[in-house]
C-alpha atoms as a PDB file:
ATOM      1  CA  MET A   1    -190.352-137.365 130.807  1.00  0.00           C
ATOM      2  CA  THR A   2    -190.686-139.242 127.767  1.00  0.00           C
ATOM      3  CA  ALA A   3    -189.998-137.637 124.025  1.00  0.00           C
ATOM      4  CA  ASP A   4    -194.097-138.733 123.547  1.00  0.00           C
ATOM      5  CA  THR A   5    -194.840-136.949 126.575  1.00  0.00           C
ATOM      6  CA  VAL A   6    -192.984-133.689 125.527  1.00  0.00           C
ATOM      7  CA  ASP A   7    -194.616-133.422 121.987  1.00  0.00           C
ATOM      8  CA  ARG A   8    -198.025-134.526 123.151  1.00  0.00           C
ATOM      9  CA  PRO A   9    -199.179-130.897 123.840  1.00  0.00           C
ATOM     10  CA  ARG A  10    -198.042-129.646 120.473  1.00  0.00           C
ATOM     11  CA  ALA A  11    -199.863-132.531 118.650  1.00  0.00           C
ATOM     12  CA  ILE A  12    -202.958-131.435 120.518  1.00  0.00           C
ATOM     13  CA  ASP A  13    -202.369-128.025 119.400  1.00  0.00           C
ATOM     14  CA  ARG A  14    -202.088-128.848 115.957  1.00  0.00           C
ATOM     15  CA  PHE A  15    -205.420-130.993 116.061  1.00  0.00           C
ATOM     16  CA  ARG A  16    -207.282-128.124 117.915  1.00  0.00           C
ATOM     17  CA  SER A  17    -205.941-125.996 114.990  1.00  0.00           C
ATOM     18  CA  ARG A  18    -206.741-127.781 112.151  1.00  0.00           C
ATOM     19  CA  GLN A  19    -210.492-128.503 113.646  1.00  0.00           C
ATOM     20  CA  SER A  20    -210.846-124.676 114.145  1.00  0.00           C
ATOM     21  CA  GLY A  21    -209.736-123.951 110.665  1.00  0.00           C
ATOM     22  CA  HIS A  22    -211.539-126.561 109.041  1.00  0.00           C
ATOM     23  CA  PRO A  23    -214.129-128.842 111.300  1.00  0.00           C
ATOM     24  CA  SER A  24    -214.502-132.533 109.830  1.00  0.00           C
ATOM     25  CA  GLY A  25    -216.475-135.293 110.962  1.00  0.00           C
ATOM     26  CA  LEU A  26    -217.662-135.780 114.448  1.00  0.00           C
ATOM     27  CA  ILE A  27    -215.143-133.941 116.189  1.00  0.00           C
ATOM     28  CA  GLY A  28    -215.729-131.105 113.660  1.00  0.00           C
ATOM     29  CA  ARG A  29    -219.435-131.147 114.550  1.00  0.00           C
ATOM     30  CA  ILE A  30    -218.382-130.780 118.354  1.00  0.00           C
ATOM     31  CA  PHE A  31    -216.222-127.933 117.413  1.00  0.00           C
ATOM     32  CA  GLY A  32    -218.626-125.968 115.420  1.00  0.00           C
ATOM     33  CA  ARG A  33    -220.817-126.154 118.255  1.00  0.00           C
ATOM     34  CA  ALA A  34    -218.299-124.688 120.404  1.00  0.00           C
ATOM     35  CA  MET A  35    -217.503-122.222 117.983  1.00  0.00           C
ATOM     36  CA  VAL A  36    -221.265-120.927 117.543  1.00  0.00           C
ATOM     37  CA  LYS A  37    -220.734-119.551 121.316  1.00  0.00           C
ATOM     38  CA  SER A  38    -217.186-118.289 121.127  1.00  0.00           C
ATOM     39  CA  THR A  39    -217.220-116.405 117.900  1.00  0.00           C
ATOM     40  CA  ALA A  40    -221.094-114.995 118.526  1.00  0.00           C
ATOM     41  CA  ASP A  41    -219.698-111.672 119.533  1.00  0.00           C
ATOM     42  CA  ALA A  42    -217.452-111.181 116.760  1.00  0.00           C
ATOM     43  CA  ASN A  43    -220.236-112.080 114.101  1.00  0.00           C
ATOM     44  CA  ASP A  44    -222.946-109.442 115.947  1.00  0.00           C
ATOM     45  CA  ARG A  45    -220.105-106.873 115.836  1.00  0.00           C
ATOM     46  CA  ALA A  46    -219.074-107.365 111.962  1.00  0.00           C
ATOM     47  CA  LEU A  47    -223.275-107.224 111.346  1.00  0.00           C
ATOM     48  CA  ALA A  48    -223.420-104.052 113.117  1.00  0.00           C
ATOM     49  CA  LEU A  49    -220.954-102.595 110.677  1.00  0.00           C
ATOM     50  CA  LEU A  50    -223.108-103.356 107.715  1.00  0.00           C
ATOM     51  CA  ASP A  51    -226.359-101.465 106.494  1.00  0.00           C
ATOM     52  CA  LEU A  52    -228.980-103.742 107.146  1.00  0.00           C
ATOM     53  CA  THR A  53    -231.839-101.434 107.585  1.00  0.00           C
ATOM     54  CA  THR A  54    -233.825-102.704 104.476  1.00  0.00           C
ATOM     55  CA  PRO A  55    -233.490-106.310 102.986  1.00  0.00           C
ATOM     56  CA  ARG A  56    -230.332-107.014 101.663  1.00  0.00           C
ATOM     57  CA  ALA A  57    -228.711-109.749  99.770  1.00  0.00           C
ATOM     58  CA  VAL A  58    -225.655-110.631 102.152  1.00  0.00           C
ATOM     59  CA  LEU A  59    -222.372-112.827 101.426  1.00  0.00           C
ATOM     60  CA  GLU A  60    -220.810-114.763 104.384  1.00  0.00           C
ATOM     61  CA  VAL A  61    -217.655-115.982 103.868  1.00  0.00           C
ATOM     62  CA  GLY A  62    -217.163-118.830 106.324  1.00  0.00           C
ATOM     63  CA  PHE A  63    -220.567-119.579 107.670  1.00  0.00           C
ATOM     64  CA  GLY A  64    -219.786-122.229 110.029  1.00  0.00           C
ATOM     65  CA  GLN A  65    -223.024-123.638 111.825  1.00  0.00           C
ATOM     66  CA  GLY A  66    -225.047-121.058 110.373  1.00  0.00           C
ATOM     67  CA  ARG A  67    -225.943-119.356 113.191  1.00  0.00           C
ATOM     68  CA  THR A  68    -225.367-115.703 111.738  1.00  0.00           C
ATOM     69  CA  ALA A  69    -227.303-116.801 108.624  1.00  0.00           C
ATOM     70  CA  GLU A  70    -230.360-117.487 110.400  1.00  0.00           C
ATOM     71  CA  ILE A  71    -230.311-114.159 112.341  1.00  0.00           C
ATOM     72  CA  LEU A  72    -229.815-112.684 108.899  1.00  0.00           C
ATOM     73  CA  LEU A  73    -232.807-114.928 107.521  1.00  0.00           C
ATOM     74  CA  ASP A  74    -234.962-114.021 110.436  1.00  0.00           C
ATOM     75  CA  ALA A  75    -234.320-110.544 110.010  1.00  0.00           C
ATOM     76  CA  GLY A  76    -235.600-110.830 105.912  1.00  0.00           C
ATOM     77  CA  HIS A  77    -232.256-110.707 104.157  1.00  0.00           C
ATOM     78  CA  HIS A  78    -231.061-113.366 101.599  1.00  0.00           C
ATOM     79  CA  VAL A  79    -228.139-114.776 102.339  1.00  0.00           C
ATOM     80  CA  LEU A  80    -225.312-116.209  99.970  1.00  0.00           C
ATOM     81  CA  GLY A  81    -222.650-118.119 101.873  1.00  0.00           C
ATOM     82  CA  ILE A  82    -219.489-120.094 101.221  1.00  0.00           C
ATOM     83  CA  ASP A  83    -217.535-122.498 103.641  1.00  0.00           C
ATOM     84  CA  PRO A  84    -214.714-125.131 102.600  1.00  0.00           C
ATOM     85  CA  SER A  85    -216.155-127.593 105.116  1.00  0.00           C
ATOM     86  CA  PRO A  86    -218.463-130.492 104.178  1.00  0.00           C
ATOM     87  CA  THR A  87    -219.236-130.946 107.596  1.00  0.00           C
ATOM     88  CA  MET A  88    -220.221-126.837 108.189  1.00  0.00           C
ATOM     89  CA  VAL A  89    -222.082-126.801 105.051  1.00  0.00           C
ATOM     90  CA  ALA A  90    -224.157-129.770 106.312  1.00  0.00           C
ATOM     91  CA  GLN A  91    -224.687-128.343 109.706  1.00  0.00           C
ATOM     92  CA  ALA A  92    -225.626-125.001 108.611  1.00  0.00           C
ATOM     93  CA  THR A  93    -227.775-126.110 105.533  1.00  0.00           C
ATOM     94  CA  ARG A  94    -229.790-128.567 108.075  1.00  0.00           C
ATOM     95  CA  ARG A  95    -229.972-125.554 110.479  1.00  0.00           C
ATOM     96  CA  ASN A  96    -231.270-122.922 107.656  1.00  0.00           C
ATOM     97  CA  ARG A  97    -233.077-125.919 105.757  1.00  0.00           C
ATOM     98  CA  HIS A  98    -236.290-124.254 104.859  1.00  0.00           C
ATOM     99  CA  ALA A  99    -234.738-121.394 103.753  1.00  0.00           C
ATOM    100  CA  CYS A 100    -232.289-123.396 101.633  1.00  0.00           C
ATOM    101  CA  ARG A 101    -235.438-125.078 100.244  1.00  0.00           C
ATOM    102  CA  ASP A 102    -237.230-121.913  99.263  1.00  0.00           C
ATOM    103  CA  GLY A 103    -234.191-119.903  97.960  1.00  0.00           C
ATOM    104  CA  ARG A 104    -233.428-117.174 100.624  1.00  0.00           C
ATOM    105  CA  ALA A 105    -230.283-118.939 101.359  1.00  0.00           C
ATOM    106  CA  THR A 106    -227.612-120.538  99.148  1.00  0.00           C
ATOM    107  CA  LEU A 107    -225.157-121.996 101.039  1.00  0.00           C
ATOM    108  CA  ARG A 108    -222.278-123.862  99.352  1.00  0.00           C
ATOM    109  CA  ARG A 109    -219.001-125.433  99.796  1.00  0.00           C
ATOM    110  CA  GLY A 110    -215.996-123.666  98.566  1.00  0.00           C
ATOM    111  CA  ASP A 111    -212.240-123.865  98.051  1.00  0.00           C
ATOM    112  CA  GLY A 112    -210.953-121.444 100.385  1.00  0.00           C
ATOM    113  CA  THR A 113    -210.346-118.559  97.772  1.00  0.00           C
ATOM    114  CA  THR A 114    -212.864-118.025  95.329  1.00  0.00           C
ATOM    115  CA  ILE A 115    -216.322-117.078  95.461  1.00  0.00           C
ATOM    116  CA  PRO A 116    -218.788-119.284  93.486  1.00  0.00           C
ATOM    117  CA  PHE A 117    -221.361-116.516  92.990  1.00  0.00           C
ATOM    118  CA  PRO A 118    -221.998-114.316  90.037  1.00  0.00           C
ATOM    119  CA  ASP A 119    -220.695-110.443  89.614  1.00  0.00           C
ATOM    120  CA  ASP A 120    -222.840-108.203  91.532  1.00  0.00           C
ATOM    121  CA  SER A 121    -224.980-110.782  93.266  1.00  0.00           C
ATOM    122  CA  ALA A 122    -224.648-109.422  96.680  1.00  0.00           C
ATOM    123  CA  ASP A 123    -224.967-105.767  98.673  1.00  0.00           C
ATOM    124  CA  LEU A 124    -222.917-106.688 101.451  1.00  0.00           C
ATOM    125  CA  ALA A 125    -220.381-109.261 102.879  1.00  0.00           C
ATOM    126  CA  PHE A 126    -218.990-110.268 105.873  1.00  0.00           C
ATOM    127  CA  SER A 127    -216.181-112.746 107.326  1.00  0.00           C
ATOM    128  CA  VAL A 128    -215.434-113.315 110.942  1.00  0.00           C
ATOM    129  CA  HIS A 129    -212.123-115.423 112.230  1.00  0.00           C
ATOM    130  CA  THR A 130    -211.589-116.913 108.828  1.00  0.00           C
ATOM    131  CA  VAL A 131    -208.826-114.691 107.200  1.00  0.00           C
ATOM    132  CA  TYR A 132    -206.188-116.967 109.112  1.00  0.00           C
ATOM    133  CA  PHE A 133    -207.384-119.931 107.147  1.00  0.00           C
ATOM    134  CA  MET A 134    -207.608-118.443 103.590  1.00  0.00           C
ATOM    135  CA  PRO A 135    -205.039-119.862 101.032  1.00  0.00           C
ATOM    136  CA  ASP A 136    -204.689-116.690  99.504  1.00  0.00           C
ATOM    137  CA  PRO A 137    -206.591-113.859 101.454  1.00  0.00           C
ATOM    138  CA  ALA A 138    -205.773-111.072  99.042  1.00  0.00           C
ATOM    139  CA  ALA A 139    -207.311-113.424  96.240  1.00  0.00           C
ATOM    140  CA  THR A 140    -210.335-114.018  98.094  1.00  0.00           C
ATOM    141  CA  PHE A 141    -211.057-110.037  99.211  1.00  0.00           C
ATOM    142  CA  THR A 142    -210.855-109.569  95.463  1.00  0.00           C
ATOM    143  CA  ASP A 143    -213.171-112.246  94.524  1.00  0.00           C
ATOM    144  CA  ILE A 144    -215.630-110.925  96.797  1.00  0.00           C
ATOM    145  CA  ALA A 145    -215.381-107.286  95.406  1.00  0.00           C
ATOM    146  CA  ARG A 146    -216.573-108.907  92.294  1.00  0.00           C
ATOM    147  CA  VAL A 147    -219.382-110.627  93.655  1.00  0.00           C
ATOM    148  CA  LEU A 148    -220.276-107.213  95.737  1.00  0.00           C
ATOM    149  CA  ARG A 149    -222.264-104.621  93.755  1.00  0.00           C
ATOM    150  CA  PRO A 150    -220.926-101.206  93.473  1.00  0.00           C
ATOM    151  CA  GLY A 151    -221.115 -99.479  96.833  1.00  0.00           C
ATOM    152  CA  GLY A 152    -221.147-102.542  98.989  1.00  0.00           C
ATOM    153  CA  THR A 153    -219.263-103.031 102.249  1.00  0.00           C
ATOM    154  CA  LEU A 154    -217.057-106.092 103.361  1.00  0.00           C
ATOM    155  CA  ALA A 155    -217.068-106.482 106.824  1.00  0.00           C
ATOM    156  CA  ILE A 156    -213.977-108.558 108.582  1.00  0.00           C
ATOM    157  CA  ALA A 157    -213.433-109.464 112.172  1.00  0.00           C
ATOM    158  CA  GLY A 158    -210.785-111.194 113.809  1.00  0.00           C
ATOM    159  CA  ARG A 159    -207.627-111.404 115.532  1.00  0.00           C
ATOM    160  CA  THR A 160    -204.149-109.925 114.071  1.00  0.00           C
ATOM    161  CA  SER A 161    -200.716-110.824 114.730  1.00  0.00           C
ATOM    162  CA  ASP A 162    -199.961-107.225 116.465  1.00  0.00           C
ATOM    163  CA  GLN A 163    -200.790-108.678 119.740  1.00  0.00           C
ATOM    164  CA  PRO A 164    -199.480-112.155 121.055  1.00  0.00           C
ATOM    165  CA  LEU A 165    -201.333-115.106 120.191  1.00  0.00           C
ATOM    166  CA  PRO A 166    -202.629-118.110 122.453  1.00  0.00           C
ATOM    167  CA  ALA A 167    -199.997-120.869 122.459  1.00  0.00           C
ATOM    168  CA  TRP A 168    -202.208-123.580 121.192  1.00  0.00           C
ATOM    169  CA  MET A 169    -202.590-121.714 117.719  1.00  0.00           C
ATOM    170  CA  ASP A 170    -200.384-123.827 115.322  1.00  0.00           C
ATOM    171  CA  PRO A 171    -198.767-120.542 113.200  1.00  0.00           C
ATOM    172  CA  ASP A 172    -198.528-122.999 110.257  1.00  0.00           C
ATOM    173  CA  ILE A 173    -202.587-123.214 110.427  1.00  0.00           C
ATOM    174  CA  TYR A 174    -203.341-119.770 111.967  1.00  0.00           C
ATOM    175  CA  ARG A 175    -201.606-117.508 109.164  1.00  0.00           C
ATOM    176  CA  ILE A 176    -202.714-114.318 111.026  1.00  0.00           C
ATOM    177  CA  PRO A 177    -201.704-111.127 109.138  1.00  0.00           C
ATOM    178  CA  THR A 178    -201.170-107.740 111.139  1.00  0.00           C
ATOM    179  CA  ALA A 179    -203.341-104.875 110.771  1.00  0.00           C
ATOM    180  CA  ASP A 180    -201.344-102.979 108.310  1.00  0.00           C
ATOM    181  CA  HIS A 181    -201.006-106.137 106.115  1.00  0.00           C
ATOM    182  CA  LEU A 182    -204.755-106.713 106.047  1.00  0.00           C
ATOM    183  CA  ALA A 183    -205.484-103.342 105.502  1.00  0.00           C
ATOM    184  CA  SER A 184    -202.996-103.015 102.453  1.00  0.00           C
ATOM    185  CA  MET A 185    -204.770-106.324 100.825  1.00  0.00           C
ATOM    186  CA  LEU A 186    -208.079-104.805 100.849  1.00  0.00           C
ATOM    187  CA  THR A 187    -206.560-101.549  99.334  1.00  0.00           C
ATOM    188  CA  ALA A 188    -204.979-103.728  96.897  1.00  0.00           C
ATOM    189  CA  ALA A 189    -208.620-105.559  95.963  1.00  0.00           C
ATOM    190  CA  GLY A 190    -210.026-102.086  95.245  1.00  0.00           C
ATOM    191  CA  TYR A 191    -211.691-100.951  98.698  1.00  0.00           C
ATOM    192  CA  ASP A 192    -211.792 -97.564  99.622  1.00  0.00           C
ATOM    193  CA  PRO A 193    -212.260 -96.101 102.296  1.00  0.00           C
ATOM    194  CA  ILE A 194    -211.515 -98.610 104.865  1.00  0.00           C
ATOM    195  CA  ASP A 195    -212.499 -98.144 108.422  1.00  0.00           C
ATOM    196  CA  HIS A 196    -210.732 -99.824 111.463  1.00  0.00           C
ATOM    197  CA  HIS A 197    -212.050-100.324 114.817  1.00  0.00           C
ATOM    198  CA  VAL A 198    -210.210-102.329 117.735  1.00  0.00           C
ATOM    199  CA  ILE A 199    -212.180-103.665 120.579  1.00  0.00           C
ATOM    200  CA  ASP A 200    -210.144-105.017 123.723  1.00  0.00           C
ATOM    201  CA  ARG A 201    -212.243-108.034 124.544  1.00  0.00           C
ATOM    202  CA  GLY A 202    -210.257-108.854 127.806  1.00  0.00           C
ATOM    203  CA  ASP A 203    -208.565-111.930 126.760  1.00  0.00           C
ATOM    204  CA  HIS A 204    -207.871-110.915 123.148  1.00  0.00           C
ATOM    205  CA  THR A 205    -208.101-107.795 120.960  1.00  0.00           C
ATOM    206  CA  LEU A 206    -210.781-107.994 118.109  1.00  0.00           C
ATOM    207  CA  HIS A 207    -209.909-105.981 115.135  1.00  0.00           C
ATOM    208  CA  LEU A 208    -213.041-105.073 112.948  1.00  0.00           C
ATOM    209  CA  PHE A 209    -212.731-103.547 109.173  1.00  0.00           C
ATOM    210  CA  ALA A 210    -215.395-102.324 107.188  1.00  0.00           C
ATOM    211  CA  ALA A 211    -214.034-101.795 103.875  1.00  0.00           C
ATOM    212  CA  HIS A 212    -215.823-100.077 101.058  1.00  0.00           C
ATOM    213  CA  LEU A 213    -216.281 -99.892  97.543  1.00  0.00           C
ATOM    214  CA  ALA A 214    -217.462 -96.909  95.308  1.00  0.00           C
ATOM    215  CA  ASP A 215    -220.615 -96.631  94.004  1.00  0.00           C
ATOM    216  CA  ALA A 216    -219.396 -96.584  90.268  1.00  0.00           C
ATOM    217  CA  SER A 217    -216.313 -98.249  89.954  1.00  0.00           C
ATOM    218  CA  ARG A 218    -215.011-101.778  90.383  1.00  0.00           C
ATOM    219  CA  PRO A 219    -211.441-103.049  91.498  1.00  0.00           C
ATOM    220  CA  THR A 220    -209.308-103.774  88.391  1.00  0.00           C
END
């Protein structure tokens, strides 16, 4: 067995991890389509943490192909979205092109840290399987709090490093926090209370966080 043969799985793992975190090009479009199915349940569970009984302005951080944005739009909500991948922005915009044209959806490319929307422009926010890829999650949580109106809720769904991770996930790309560390970052960003639920998915454990802002205060 040659060194190249030994190294090949690691190279494949890094490639898969990079495309999962930042889909690009033709392969990225394929990964994006695959992730629609694999992340659907987590997205639906994140939405279930939000009060969507009346029309709301909802911020999605990491919208991927735009499947969940489409669900929100079909239910009468307004969607603000941010994603660092140009490939995903193009696909999500195409999927929700009518809403993007008439102003019901605004889907933008971002830098992965800051949220390019004005203060107090969203009622609710959610992010699914994206914390791992944020350059500075604490800064992003703080910026989401700025965009949320008082009393807003941020729902987060994803893995934590409290359980073993699949071998293919490159730890240099999948920077997965523990549940306690994630909760502490949310607290530091001004969210209180923070509800935490754990779901056994069989092949992995899904952690759900509902982080709330006070009705009449903003994080400092």
